[in-house]
Structure formats: structure tokens, C-alpha cells
Amino acid sequence: MRHPKIFFGCFCSCFAYFVYSQQEPILAYRLRDFHVPEAMLGNYFAILPVFYMLAGVLMQYYPKWMDNRVYLIGIGYLNTIAALFNGPSQILSLPDSIWCIIVGQMLIGLTCAQLNVFALPEMMRQANKAFPGRGNDVNDYCSGIFNSCIGIGQVSGPIIGAFLTSKIGFRSCEDTIALITFTYYSLYFILGDGREAINHSIAKRAALPAVQKVEESELE
């Protein structure tokens, strides 16, 4: 893999939509275990997109000095926790409660939105560093590949989710999804120089007071 930072940044969108869509054909059947009336099922399906939209609003308040890779990897691990709650996890012996599923739905909405927003600019940034002087071509290719990865996640999510649920049940399916995402973001941290991204963010944060003083002196 010649450019792991580009690869992992790009496939964050694939994994976001994979986690987002894998429950679409199976969640309604799972909710029936809790005797949720059919008329109320739509309310539970609305939780995820509502928090998806909420995350898009909140992101404007995130600190700008944080490297996108730090956000992607950190939010990716939260996405793993979301899948564990969505089961709820049998591996962790979480209580088989509808409230755990609601928390999982909320977290999936929050994390998937952020992964999609941070993934494309990070992919473009790394691609432009790897292929300098080819900005327009790189950005066009990145946009195309990014949207193709979204499609891969949207197609593979429901197929794999339904297959795993039919074989091992919903709760074990979500444990498997959590294991897959945890492995992916751990590889991203290792192969995508996550520690470098953290150190770079810390350095940018430490330099903020000096930058602010320069800006204030220029205004004077």
C-alpha cells in the first residue's frame, strides 16, 4: 500500500455508510423483540438521521487546530462503541434493553455524519501532498473515488448485516460489526501515522497564543 493515509481516509466514508446502512433490513425485526407497535417503528428509525443532522450543526464548533486524522480515528472508535450499544453487545454482557439500542442509534448518527464530513478533505489533503502540482486532477479523482466508496458501504452494509443476522443473530452481528470497525481504525492509527497526527495537533494548539498575539499586533 503506497499511500495508506489516502486509502484509510477515503474508506472512512465506506465504513461510515456500512455501519449506517447495515441495520436497515434487520432493525425492525429486532425491535419486535421488545413488542414495539408497528405504528411506532418509524420513530425509532428517525433517531439515527436526526442525530446525523445534529452532528452536522455541532461540527462548526470543533477546534480547528485538531488534525482531521485525529478526528477520523477518534470518531471511528466511537463508531465501534455505537455498534456495541446497538446490539446490545453480548460479548460485553450489556443488558438486552431497548434503551441501549436507542443510545446506539444516537451514537451511530453522530459518528457517521462526522466521519463523512472529515473523510473527503483529509483524503484530498493527503493526495495533494502525494501528487504535488496536480491539484485539479487529484481533487476530481478524490471526489469520484470518495463517492464510489460511499456506494460500496451502502451496498455491502445491508447485505452483510442481513446475512450475519440470519446466521448468528442481531446482537452477535453488531458485535462483529464493532470488531470490524475497531480493527479498521486501529490499522488506520498504525499505518496512517495516527501518533504523528496527535503530536501535530498538540503542537498547533500550543502555538495558538503566539499566533493570536501576532494577529492582535497586526490589528493595532
Protein backbone atom coordinates (compact mmCIF):
# COMPACT_ATOMS: atom_id res chain seq x y z
CA MET A 1 0.00 0.00 0.00
CA ARG A 2 1.89 3.04 -1.28
CA HIS A 3 -0.35 5.74 0.17
CA PRO A 4 -2.07 4.41 3.32
CA LYS A 5 -3.17 7.85 4.52
CA ILE A 6 -5.15 8.36 1.31
CA PHE A 7 -6.59 4.85 1.41
CA PHE A 8 -7.71 4.94 5.05
CA GLY A 9 -9.05 8.49 4.80
CA CYS A 10 -11.12 7.51 1.78
CA PHE A 11 -12.52 4.28 3.21
CA CYS A 12 -13.72 6.04 6.38
CA SER A 13 -16.74 7.09 4.31
CA CYS A 14 -17.24 3.49 3.19
CA PHE A 15 -17.21 2.24 6.78
CA ALA A 16 -19.48 5.09 7.92
CA TYR A 17 -22.16 4.15 5.41
CA PHE A 18 -21.56 0.46 6.05
CA VAL A 19 -22.38 0.91 9.75
CA TYR A 20 -25.20 3.34 8.94
CA SER A 21 -26.94 1.06 6.43
CA GLN A 22 -26.20 -2.45 7.71
CA GLN A 23 -29.18 -2.39 10.09
CA GLU A 24 -31.77 -1.12 7.60
CA PRO A 25 -33.24 -4.54 6.70
CA ILE A 26 -33.00 -6.00 10.21
CA LEU A 27 -33.68 -3.31 12.82
CA ALA A 28 -37.47 -3.59 12.57
CA TYR A 29 -37.30 -7.32 13.32
CA ARG A 30 -35.05 -6.62 16.29
CA LEU A 31 -37.43 -4.01 17.71
CA ARG A 32 -40.25 -6.55 17.65
CA ASP A 33 -38.37 -8.42 20.38
CA PHE A 34 -39.41 -5.52 22.62
CA HIS A 35 -43.03 -5.59 21.37
CA VAL A 36 -42.74 -2.17 19.73
CA PRO A 37 -46.04 -1.44 17.91
CA GLU A 38 -45.74 -1.20 14.14
CA ALA A 39 -47.07 2.35 14.24
CA MET A 40 -44.10 3.32 16.46
CA LEU A 41 -41.33 1.70 14.40
CA GLY A 42 -40.83 4.84 12.32
CA ASN A 43 -40.00 6.82 15.45
CA TYR A 44 -37.07 4.53 16.23
CA PHE A 45 -35.81 4.70 12.64
CA ALA A 46 -35.91 8.52 12.89
CA ILE A 47 -33.42 8.62 15.79
CA LEU A 48 -30.35 7.93 13.65
CA PRO A 49 -30.97 10.57 10.91
CA VAL A 50 -32.00 13.20 13.48
CA PHE A 51 -28.67 12.84 15.29
CA TYR A 52 -26.89 12.68 11.92
CA MET A 53 -28.26 16.15 11.17
CA LEU A 54 -27.46 17.37 14.68
CA ALA A 55 -23.81 16.37 14.27
CA GLY A 56 -23.57 18.45 11.10
CA VAL A 57 -24.67 21.52 13.07
CA LEU A 58 -22.35 20.91 16.02
CA MET A 59 -19.21 20.37 13.93
CA GLN A 60 -18.78 24.09 13.25
CA TYR A 61 -17.80 24.48 16.92
CA TYR A 62 -14.99 21.90 16.82
CA PRO A 63 -11.46 23.23 17.40
CA LYS A 64 -9.70 23.97 14.10
CA TRP A 65 -6.25 23.04 15.39
CA MET A 66 -7.11 19.34 15.57
CA ASP A 67 -5.79 17.24 12.69
CA ASN A 68 -8.51 15.57 10.61
CA ARG A 69 -6.86 12.18 11.15
CA VAL A 70 -7.29 12.57 14.90
CA TYR A 71 -10.98 13.28 14.42
CA LEU A 72 -11.42 10.37 11.99
CA ILE A 73 -9.68 7.81 14.17
CA GLY A 74 -11.24 9.03 17.43
CA ILE A 75 -14.73 9.19 15.95
CA GLY A 76 -14.13 5.79 14.36
CA TYR A 77 -13.57 4.27 17.79
CA LEU A 78 -16.79 5.94 18.97
CA ASN A 79 -18.47 4.31 15.98
CA THR A 80 -17.30 0.97 17.37
CA ILE A 81 -18.87 1.80 20.75
CA ALA A 82 -22.07 2.76 18.93
CA ALA A 83 -22.31 -0.70 17.35
CA LEU A 84 -21.76 -2.33 20.76
CA PHE A 85 -24.67 -0.39 22.23
CA ASN A 86 -26.81 -1.02 19.17
CA GLY A 87 -26.73 -4.80 19.76
CA PRO A 88 -26.59 -4.54 22.72
CA SER A 89 -23.30 -6.40 22.89
CA GLN A 90 -23.34 -10.00 24.03
CA ILE A 91 -19.55 -10.04 24.31
CA LEU A 92 -19.66 -7.24 26.90
CA SER A 93 -22.82 -8.65 28.51
CA LEU A 94 -24.73 -5.40 28.06
CA PRO A 95 -28.36 -5.62 29.19
CA ASP A 96 -30.79 -6.55 26.42
CA SER A 97 -32.56 -3.22 26.69
CA ILE A 98 -34.24 -1.06 24.09
CA TRP A 99 -32.60 1.96 25.76
CA CYS A 100 -29.17 0.58 24.83
CA ILE A 101 -30.33 0.33 21.22
CA ILE A 102 -31.58 3.93 21.34
CA VAL A 103 -28.17 5.09 22.61
CA GLY A 104 -26.54 3.07 19.83
CA GLN A 105 -28.77 4.71 17.22
CA MET A 106 -27.90 8.15 18.56
CA LEU A 107 -24.16 7.44 18.50
CA ILE A 108 -24.27 5.93 15.01
CA GLY A 109 -25.98 9.07 13.71
CA LEU A 110 -23.48 11.38 15.41
CA THR A 111 -20.37 9.46 14.37
CA CYS A 112 -21.31 8.59 10.78
CA ALA A 113 -22.04 12.23 9.95
CA GLN A 114 -18.66 13.35 11.27
CA LEU A 115 -16.76 10.57 9.51
CA ASN A 116 -18.29 11.57 6.18
CA VAL A 117 -17.50 15.25 6.65
CA PHE A 118 -13.87 14.79 7.70
CA ALA A 119 -13.02 11.97 5.27
CA LEU A 120 -13.08 13.82 1.94
CA PRO A 121 -10.92 16.85 2.89
CA GLU A 122 -8.42 14.54 4.60
CA MET A 123 -8.26 12.33 1.52
CA MET A 124 -7.74 15.38 -0.73
CA ARG A 125 -5.09 16.85 1.57
CA GLN A 126 -3.06 13.65 1.62
CA ALA A 127 -3.50 13.10 -2.13
CA ASN A 128 -2.29 16.62 -2.93
CA LYS A 129 0.76 16.03 -0.73
CA ALA A 130 1.48 12.74 -2.51
CA PHE A 131 0.93 14.17 -6.02
CA PRO A 132 2.02 17.84 -5.93
CA GLY A 133 1.23 20.09 -8.85
CA ARG A 134 -1.79 18.07 -9.98
CA GLY A 135 -4.40 19.73 -7.79
CA ASN A 136 -7.39 19.77 -10.15
CA ASP A 137 -6.93 16.20 -11.33
CA VAL A 138 -6.32 14.95 -7.79
CA ASN A 139 -9.44 16.67 -6.44
CA ASP A 140 -11.61 15.29 -9.26
CA TYR A 141 -10.30 11.76 -8.75
CA CYS A 142 -10.72 12.02 -4.98
CA SER A 143 -14.34 13.14 -5.32
CA GLY A 144 -15.12 10.25 -7.66
CA ILE A 145 -13.40 7.62 -5.52
CA PHE A 146 -14.97 9.03 -2.35
CA ASN A 147 -18.49 8.74 -3.74
CA SER A 148 -17.75 5.24 -5.03
CA CYS A 149 -16.70 4.23 -1.52
CA ILE A 150 -19.96 5.59 -0.16
CA GLY A 151 -21.76 3.37 -2.68
CA ILE A 152 -19.72 0.34 -1.58
CA GLY A 153 -20.74 0.96 2.03
CA GLN A 154 -24.41 1.44 1.12
CA VAL A 155 -24.50 -1.80 -0.89
CA SER A 156 -22.40 -4.02 1.38
CA GLY A 157 -23.94 -2.85 4.68
CA PRO A 158 -27.49 -4.24 4.26
CA ILE A 159 -26.25 -7.42 2.54
CA ILE A 160 -23.70 -8.28 5.22
CA GLY A 161 -25.95 -7.13 8.07
CA ALA A 162 -28.85 -9.29 6.92
CA PHE A 163 -26.58 -12.29 6.26
CA LEU A 164 -24.86 -12.13 9.66
CA THR A 165 -28.16 -11.66 11.48
CA SER A 166 -29.65 -14.71 9.75
CA LYS A 167 -26.64 -16.80 10.83
CA ILE A 168 -25.69 -15.56 14.29
CA GLY A 169 -28.47 -13.17 15.38
CA PHE A 170 -28.70 -9.39 15.63
CA ARG A 171 -26.64 -8.95 18.78
CA SER A 172 -23.73 -11.05 17.56
CA CYS A 173 -23.97 -9.31 14.20
CA GLU A 174 -23.44 -5.93 15.89
CA ASP A 175 -20.53 -7.36 17.89
CA THR A 176 -18.98 -8.46 14.59
CA ILE A 177 -19.54 -5.02 13.07
CA ALA A 178 -17.88 -3.46 16.13
CA LEU A 179 -14.89 -5.79 15.78
CA ILE A 180 -14.52 -4.94 12.08
CA THR A 181 -14.63 -1.18 12.70
CA PHE A 182 -12.26 -1.42 15.69
CA THR A 183 -9.75 -3.34 13.56
CA TYR A 184 -10.02 -0.85 10.70
CA TYR A 185 -9.44 2.25 12.82
CA SER A 186 -6.62 0.55 14.72
CA LEU A 187 -4.92 -0.13 11.38
CA TYR A 188 -5.58 3.49 10.40
CA PHE A 189 -3.87 4.66 13.59
CA ILE A 190 -0.85 2.42 12.99
CA LEU A 191 -0.41 2.67 9.21
CA GLY A 192 -1.77 6.20 8.85
CA ASP A 193 0.65 7.73 11.40
CA GLY A 194 -2.01 8.50 13.98
CA ARG A 195 0.59 9.35 16.60
CA GLU A 196 2.13 11.91 14.22
CA ALA A 197 -1.31 13.48 13.75
CA ILE A 198 -1.79 13.73 17.52
CA ASN A 199 1.62 15.34 18.01
CA HIS A 200 0.93 17.77 15.16
CA SER A 201 -2.38 18.75 16.74
CA ILE A 202 -0.73 19.31 20.13
CA ALA A 203 1.93 21.50 18.51
CA LYS A 204 -0.73 23.57 16.71
CA ARG A 205 -2.65 24.00 19.96
CA ALA A 206 0.49 25.14 21.79
CA ALA A 207 1.25 27.67 19.04
CA LEU A 208 -2.19 29.31 19.21
CA PRO A 209 -1.30 32.00 21.81
CA ALA A 210 1.66 33.18 19.70
CA VAL A 211 -0.48 33.30 16.56
CA GLN A 212 -3.16 35.28 18.38
CA LYS A 213 -0.60 37.81 19.62
CA VAL A 214 0.69 38.32 16.06
CA GLU A 215 -2.85 38.86 14.78
CA GLU A 216 -3.61 41.34 17.57
CA SER A 217 -0.42 43.31 16.87
CA GLU A 218 -1.29 43.49 13.17
CA LEU A 219 -4.73 44.87 14.02
CA GLU A 220 -3.16 47.57 16.19
